[in-house]
C-alpha atoms as a PDB file:
ATOM      1  CA  MET A   1     -13.757  25.249  -5.098  1.00  0.00           C
ATOM      2  CA  GLY A   2     -12.118  22.236  -2.577  1.00  0.00           C
ATOM      3  CA  VAL A   3     -13.033  19.302  -1.042  1.00  0.00           C
ATOM      4  CA  GLN A   4     -11.734  19.877   2.595  1.00  0.00           C
ATOM      5  CA  GLN A   5     -13.295  16.487   4.384  1.00  0.00           C
ATOM      6  CA  VAL A   6     -13.938  12.786   3.118  1.00  0.00           C
ATOM      7  CA  ARG A   7     -16.122  10.847   4.805  1.00  0.00           C
ATOM      8  CA  LEU A   8     -16.178   7.180   5.386  1.00  0.00           C
ATOM      9  CA  PRO A   9     -18.054   4.889   7.356  1.00  0.00           C
ATOM     10  CA  SER A  10     -15.332   4.856   9.952  1.00  0.00           C
ATOM     11  CA  GLY A  11     -15.450   8.526  10.671  1.00  0.00           C
ATOM     12  CA  ALA A  12     -13.943  12.000   8.578  1.00  0.00           C
ATOM     13  CA  VAL A  13     -10.801  12.701   6.862  1.00  0.00           C
ATOM     14  CA  GLY A  14      -9.724  16.334   7.163  1.00  0.00           C
ATOM     15  CA  LEU A  15      -7.811  17.869   4.262  1.00  0.00           C
ATOM     16  CA  SER A  16      -5.469  21.115   3.975  1.00  0.00           C
ATOM     17  CA  GLY A  17      -4.941  23.082   1.172  1.00  0.00           C
ATOM     18  CA  ALA A  18      -6.009  26.046  -1.134  1.00  0.00           C
ATOM     19  CA  GLY A  19      -8.042  25.860  -4.308  1.00  0.00           C
ATOM     20  CA  TYR A  20      -7.472  23.238  -6.954  1.00  0.00           C
ATOM     21  CA  GLU A  21      -3.993  23.076  -5.378  1.00  0.00           C
ATOM     22  CA  PRO A  22      -2.642  19.318  -5.369  1.00  0.00           C
ATOM     23  CA  TYR A  23      -1.189  19.898  -2.024  1.00  0.00           C
ATOM     24  CA  GLY A  24      -2.256  19.765   1.452  1.00  0.00           C
ATOM     25  CA  ASP A  25      -2.379  17.506   4.647  1.00  0.00           C
ATOM     26  CA  LEU A  26      -4.995  14.822   5.849  1.00  0.00           C
ATOM     27  CA  ASP A  27      -5.772  14.359   9.528  1.00  0.00           C
ATOM     28  CA  ILE A  28      -8.184  12.510  11.253  1.00  0.00           C
ATOM     29  CA  GLU A  29      -9.137  13.784  14.756  1.00  0.00           C
ATOM     30  CA  GLY A  30      -6.145  16.600  14.383  1.00  0.00           C
ATOM     31  CA  ARG A  31      -3.511  13.629  13.923  1.00  0.00           C
ATOM     32  CA  PRO A  32      -2.430  12.457  10.412  1.00  0.00           C
ATOM     33  CA  PRO A  33      -3.903   8.835   9.282  1.00  0.00           C
ATOM     34  CA  THR A  34      -1.974   6.292   9.999  1.00  0.00           C
ATOM     35  CA  ALA A  35      -1.008   4.237   6.920  1.00  0.00           C
ATOM     36  CA  GLU A  36      -4.565   1.512   7.540  1.00  0.00           C
ATOM     37  CA  GLN A  37      -6.839   4.397   8.182  1.00  0.00           C
ATOM     38  CA  LEU A  38      -5.082   5.948   4.801  1.00  0.00           C
ATOM     39  CA  ARG A  39      -6.085   2.789   2.840  1.00  0.00           C
ATOM     40  CA  PRO A  40      -9.754   3.272   2.472  1.00  0.00           C
ATOM     41  CA  VAL A  41      -9.262   6.984   1.442  1.00  0.00           C
ATOM     42  CA  ARG A  42      -6.843   6.130  -0.888  1.00  0.00           C
ATOM     43  CA  GLU A  43      -9.596   3.570  -2.811  1.00  0.00           C
ATOM     44  CA  LEU A  44     -12.178   6.296  -2.565  1.00  0.00           C
ATOM     45  CA  LEU A  45     -10.191   8.773  -4.281  1.00  0.00           C
ATOM     46  CA  THR A  46      -8.474   6.621  -6.726  1.00  0.00           C
ATOM     47  CA  ALA A  47     -11.925   5.422  -7.693  1.00  0.00           C
ATOM     48  CA  VAL A  48     -13.182   9.260  -7.995  1.00  0.00           C
ATOM     49  CA  SER A  49     -10.059  10.020  -9.703  1.00  0.00           C
ATOM     50  CA  LEU A  50     -11.006   7.279 -12.718  1.00  0.00           C
ATOM     51  CA  CYS A  51     -14.779   8.537 -12.644  1.00  0.00           C
ATOM     52  CA  ASN A  52     -13.624  12.074 -13.581  1.00  0.00           C
ATOM     53  CA  ASP A  53     -13.064  13.881 -17.207  1.00  0.00           C
ATOM     54  CA  ALA A  54     -11.648  16.682 -15.355  1.00  0.00           C
ATOM     55  CA  GLY A  55      -7.908  18.261 -15.052  1.00  0.00           C
ATOM     56  CA  LEU A  56      -5.709  20.097 -13.155  1.00  0.00           C
ATOM     57  CA  ARG A  57      -3.588  22.857 -14.421  1.00  0.00           C
ATOM     58  CA  PRO A  58      -0.517  24.682 -12.811  1.00  0.00           C
ATOM     59  CA  PRO A  59       0.313  28.182 -12.158  1.00  0.00           C
ATOM     60  CA  GLY A  60       1.781  29.213 -15.507  1.00  0.00           C
ATOM     61  CA  GLU A  61       0.972  31.621 -18.100  1.00  0.00           C
ATOM     62  CA  ARG A  62      -2.706  31.898 -17.707  1.00  0.00           C
ATOM     63  CA  SER A  63      -2.686  32.287 -13.451  1.00  0.00           C
ATOM     64  CA  ASP A  64      -0.661  32.198 -10.342  1.00  0.00           C
ATOM     65  CA  VAL A  65      -2.846  29.195  -9.125  1.00  0.00           C
ATOM     66  CA  TRP A  66      -3.928  26.051  -9.604  1.00  0.00           C
ATOM     67  CA  THR A  67      -6.680  26.015 -11.907  1.00  0.00           C
ATOM     68  CA  ALA A  68      -9.578  23.929 -13.085  1.00  0.00           C
ATOM     69  CA  VAL A  69      -9.828  22.642 -16.743  1.00  0.00           C
ATOM     70  CA  GLY A  70     -13.418  21.357 -16.841  1.00  0.00           C
ATOM     71  CA  ASP A  71     -15.775  20.739 -14.014  1.00  0.00           C
ATOM     72  CA  PRO A  72     -14.742  22.415 -11.042  1.00  0.00           C
ATOM     73  CA  MET A  73     -16.141  19.954  -8.715  1.00  0.00           C
ATOM     74  CA  GLU A  74     -14.111  16.931 -10.721  1.00  0.00           C
ATOM     75  CA  ALA A  75     -11.080  19.203 -10.228  1.00  0.00           C
ATOM     76  CA  ALA A  76     -11.805  19.606  -6.835  1.00  0.00           C
ATOM     77  CA  LEU A  77     -11.462  15.928  -6.239  1.00  0.00           C
ATOM     78  CA  LEU A  78      -8.793  15.440  -7.991  1.00  0.00           C
ATOM     79  CA  ALA A  79      -6.367  17.767  -5.746  1.00  0.00           C
ATOM     80  CA  ALA A  80      -8.325  15.834  -2.563  1.00  0.00           C
ATOM     81  CA  ALA A  81      -6.580  12.250  -4.697  1.00  0.00           C
ATOM     82  CA  ALA A  82      -3.629  14.275  -4.748  1.00  0.00           C
ATOM     83  CA  LYS A  83      -3.231  15.077  -1.706  1.00  0.00           C
ATOM     84  CA  ALA A  84      -4.116  11.747  -0.425  1.00  0.00           C
ATOM     85  CA  GLY A  85      -1.064  10.333  -2.574  1.00  0.00           C
ATOM     86  CA  CYS A  86      -3.305   8.360  -5.111  1.00  0.00           C
ATOM     87  CA  PRO A  87      -1.805   6.963  -8.396  1.00  0.00           C
ATOM     88  CA  ASP A  88      -1.854  10.448 -11.255  1.00  0.00           C
ATOM     89  CA  PRO A  89      -5.056  10.231 -13.257  1.00  0.00           C
ATOM     90  CA  ALA A  90      -3.348   9.953 -16.148  1.00  0.00           C
ATOM     91  CA  GLU A  91      -1.457   6.726 -15.374  1.00  0.00           C
ATOM     92  CA  LEU A  92      -4.942   5.760 -14.066  1.00  0.00           C
ATOM     93  CA  ARG A  93      -6.382   6.069 -17.095  1.00  0.00           C
ATOM     94  CA  ARG A  94      -3.713   4.245 -19.017  1.00  0.00           C
ATOM     95  CA  THR A  95      -3.571   1.357 -16.694  1.00  0.00           C
ATOM     96  CA  HIS A  96      -7.507   1.044 -15.972  1.00  0.00           C
ATOM     97  CA  PRO A  97      -9.126   2.172 -19.236  1.00  0.00           C
ATOM     98  CA  ARG A  98     -12.460   3.041 -19.588  1.00  0.00           C
ATOM     99  CA  THR A  99     -14.745   0.847 -21.265  1.00  0.00           C
ATOM    100  CA  GLY A 100     -18.267   2.456 -20.267  1.00  0.00           C
ATOM    101  CA  GLU A 101     -19.928   5.366 -18.780  1.00  0.00           C
ATOM    102  CA  ALA A 102     -23.418   6.210 -17.972  1.00  0.00           C
ATOM    103  CA  PRO A 103     -23.223  10.188 -17.812  1.00  0.00           C
ATOM    104  CA  PHE A 104     -24.377  12.319 -14.794  1.00  0.00           C
ATOM    105  CA  ASP A 105     -28.231  11.822 -14.757  1.00  0.00           C
ATOM    106  CA  SER A 106     -30.586  14.551 -12.292  1.00  0.00           C
ATOM    107  CA  LEU A 107     -32.460  11.628 -11.604  1.00  0.00           C
ATOM    108  CA  ARG A 108     -29.691   9.198 -10.684  1.00  0.00           C
ATOM    109  CA  LYS A 109     -27.698  11.886  -9.198  1.00  0.00           C
ATOM    110  CA  ARG A 110     -24.413  10.597 -10.657  1.00  0.00           C
ATOM    111  CA  MET A 111     -22.067   9.666 -13.218  1.00  0.00           C
ATOM    112  CA  THR A 112     -20.987   5.731 -13.543  1.00  0.00           C
ATOM    113  CA  THR A 113     -18.021   4.653 -15.269  1.00  0.00           C
ATOM    114  CA  LEU A 114     -16.837   1.166 -16.287  1.00  0.00           C
ATOM    115  CA  HIS A 115     -13.152   0.423 -16.264  1.00  0.00           C
ATOM    116  CA  ARG A 116     -10.478  -2.345 -17.069  1.00  0.00           C
ATOM    117  CA  ASN A 117      -8.965  -3.503 -13.986  1.00  0.00           C
ATOM    118  CA  HIS A 118      -6.468  -5.612 -15.797  1.00  0.00           C
ATOM    119  CA  PRO A 119      -5.114  -4.323 -18.761  1.00  0.00           C
ATOM    120  CA  HIS A 120      -2.948  -7.183 -19.252  1.00  0.00           C
ATOM    121  CA  LEU A 121      -6.021  -9.480 -20.429  1.00  0.00           C
ATOM    122  CA  PRO A 122      -7.314  -9.807 -23.311  1.00  0.00           C
ATOM    123  CA  GLN A 123     -10.177  -7.647 -24.707  1.00  0.00           C
ATOM    124  CA  ARG A 124     -13.372  -9.270 -25.351  1.00  0.00           C
ATOM    125  CA  GLY A 125     -13.915 -10.003 -29.387  1.00  0.00           C
ATOM    126  CA  THR A 126      -9.882  -9.940 -29.350  1.00  0.00           C
END
């Protein structure tokens, strides 16, 4: 499974690469995106990384390719975030800890998570 395109109000961004491999190129109408065009893609995929419980396992003992740990769709989204140059998910979880969650619900058709945006601010009740 892999993300081949990210759609934004400004248009579609294509992603190359195989499977869960976190390497690939981005393009807009066949051209590399400018820094200005890349900014909203990174913002979206950074948010996707925070609202994500999956992981990516590099090639090694169990497989000769990158594999999903957890939900395959969530892992594909993490690979897309890596291709876009988003921060490492482990670092994001450290700097923006999850403070709440509404699990995926088939009626809502989404999962929601809450995160501290400024980890240096005191937590409520401390």
